Amino acid sequence: MDVDLHLLDHTGSPEGCIQRAHQLIETTLPAGSYTLVVDSWVDGGGISHAGSYLLGIVECHPDDPSCD
C-alpha cells in the first residue's frame, strides 16, 4: 500500500495544492472549503500501489494554543 495525501484549496485543482504528504497533514486552516485527495502511487512500470487507509480529521479545541 502506498497512498499520498493532497490538501487543496477551494479550487480543487493541482495549482491549489496547499500541502502534500505521505501519511500525515497537520495544519490549521481558516474557515472555508477545501478538498482532501487520497491518491495511490503508480510506479515506473505502471503498477498502481493502492491500498486501504484510515482517514481521521480532528477539529482543534478553541483553547488549544497549538491551533493558533
C-alpha atoms as a PDB file:
ATOM      1  CA  MET A   1       0.000   0.000   0.000  1.00  0.00           C
ATOM      2  CA  ASP A   2       1.265   3.453  -0.837  1.00  0.00           C
ATOM      3  CA  VAL A   3      -1.171   6.333  -0.775  1.00  0.00           C
ATOM      4  CA  ASP A   4      -0.413  10.046  -0.606  1.00  0.00           C
ATOM      5  CA  LEU A   5      -2.454  12.933   0.770  1.00  0.00           C
ATOM      6  CA  HIS A   6      -3.033  16.193  -1.047  1.00  0.00           C
ATOM      7  CA  LEU A   7      -4.758  19.153   0.616  1.00  0.00           C
ATOM      8  CA  LEU A   8      -6.171  21.504  -2.000  1.00  0.00           C
ATOM      9  CA  ASP A   9      -7.747  24.930  -1.705  1.00  0.00           C
ATOM     10  CA  HIS A  10     -11.288  25.793  -2.811  1.00  0.00           C
ATOM     11  CA  THR A  11     -10.362  25.347  -6.478  1.00  0.00           C
ATOM     12  CA  GLY A  12      -9.685  21.637  -6.007  1.00  0.00           C
ATOM     13  CA  SER A  13      -7.010  21.921  -8.693  1.00  0.00           C
ATOM     14  CA  PRO A  14      -3.353  20.826  -8.674  1.00  0.00           C
ATOM     15  CA  GLU A  15      -2.380  24.513  -8.726  1.00  0.00           C
ATOM     16  CA  GLY A  16      -4.328  24.961  -5.480  1.00  0.00           C
ATOM     17  CA  CYS A  17      -2.235  22.421  -3.569  1.00  0.00           C
ATOM     18  CA  ILE A  18      -1.693  23.729  -0.038  1.00  0.00           C
ATOM     19  CA  GLN A  19       0.179  20.733   1.327  1.00  0.00           C
ATOM     20  CA  ARG A  20       1.165  17.221   0.276  1.00  0.00           C
ATOM     21  CA  ALA A  21       2.344  14.371   2.481  1.00  0.00           C
ATOM     22  CA  HIS A  22       2.844  10.625   2.545  1.00  0.00           C
ATOM     23  CA  GLN A  23       0.937   9.868   5.752  1.00  0.00           C
ATOM     24  CA  LEU A  24       0.029  12.956   7.773  1.00  0.00           C
ATOM     25  CA  ILE A  25      -1.049  16.503   7.091  1.00  0.00           C
ATOM     26  CA  GLU A  26      -1.129  18.637  10.199  1.00  0.00           C
ATOM     27  CA  THR A  27      -2.215  22.234   9.706  1.00  0.00           C
ATOM     28  CA  THR A  28      -4.612  24.896  10.907  1.00  0.00           C
ATOM     29  CA  LEU A  29      -6.850  26.334   8.208  1.00  0.00           C
ATOM     30  CA  PRO A  30      -9.146  29.334   8.162  1.00  0.00           C
ATOM     31  CA  ALA A  31     -12.845  28.725   7.605  1.00  0.00           C
ATOM     32  CA  GLY A  32     -13.567  27.802   4.007  1.00  0.00           C
ATOM     33  CA  SER A  33     -13.874  24.952   1.540  1.00  0.00           C
ATOM     34  CA  TYR A  34     -11.040  22.517   0.918  1.00  0.00           C
ATOM     35  CA  THR A  35     -10.514  19.267  -0.948  1.00  0.00           C
ATOM     36  CA  LEU A  36      -8.588  16.362   0.531  1.00  0.00           C
ATOM     37  CA  VAL A  37      -7.358  13.816  -2.004  1.00  0.00           C
ATOM     38  CA  VAL A  38      -6.087  10.352  -1.067  1.00  0.00           C
ATOM     39  CA  ASP A  39      -4.162   9.185  -4.114  1.00  0.00           C
ATOM     40  CA  SER A  40      -2.448   5.900  -4.925  1.00  0.00           C
ATOM     41  CA  TRP A  41       1.086   5.855  -6.266  1.00  0.00           C
ATOM     42  CA  VAL A  42       1.882   4.390  -9.696  1.00  0.00           C
ATOM     43  CA  ASP A  43       5.435   3.147 -10.150  1.00  0.00           C
ATOM     44  CA  GLY A  44       7.574   3.424 -13.271  1.00  0.00           C
ATOM     45  CA  GLY A  45       6.172   0.103 -14.533  1.00  0.00           C
ATOM     46  CA  GLY A  46       2.618   1.449 -14.442  1.00  0.00           C
ATOM     47  CA  ILE A  47       1.641  -0.645 -11.411  1.00  0.00           C
ATOM     48  CA  SER A  48      -0.720   1.102  -9.003  1.00  0.00           C
ATOM     49  CA  HIS A  49       0.129   0.703  -5.337  1.00  0.00           C
ATOM     50  CA  ALA A  50      -3.314   1.405  -3.943  1.00  0.00           C
ATOM     51  CA  GLY A  51      -4.487   0.071  -0.629  1.00  0.00           C
ATOM     52  CA  SER A  52      -6.739   0.532   2.318  1.00  0.00           C
ATOM     53  CA  TYR A  53      -6.357   3.544   4.581  1.00  0.00           C
ATOM     54  CA  LEU A  54      -7.900   5.125   7.652  1.00  0.00           C
ATOM     55  CA  LEU A  55      -8.777   8.810   7.377  1.00  0.00           C
ATOM     56  CA  GLY A  56      -9.154  10.843  10.561  1.00  0.00           C
ATOM     57  CA  ILE A  57      -9.910  14.550  10.764  1.00  0.00           C
ATOM     58  CA  VAL A  58      -9.642  16.206  14.159  1.00  0.00           C
ATOM     59  CA  GLU A  59     -11.036  19.644  14.933  1.00  0.00           C
ATOM     60  CA  CYS A  60      -8.884  21.766  17.215  1.00  0.00           C
ATOM     61  CA  HIS A  61     -10.326  22.729  20.562  1.00  0.00           C
ATOM     62  CA  PRO A  62     -10.653  26.547  20.816  1.00  0.00           C
ATOM     63  CA  ASP A  63      -8.432  26.588  23.947  1.00  0.00           C
ATOM     64  CA  ASP A  64      -5.594  24.609  22.331  1.00  0.00           C
ATOM     65  CA  PRO A  65      -2.684  27.037  21.772  1.00  0.00           C
ATOM     66  CA  SER A  66      -1.211  24.816  19.041  1.00  0.00           C
ATOM     67  CA  CYS A  67      -4.247  25.596  16.876  1.00  0.00           C
ATOM     68  CA  ASP A  68      -3.465  29.318  16.510  1.00  0.00           C
END
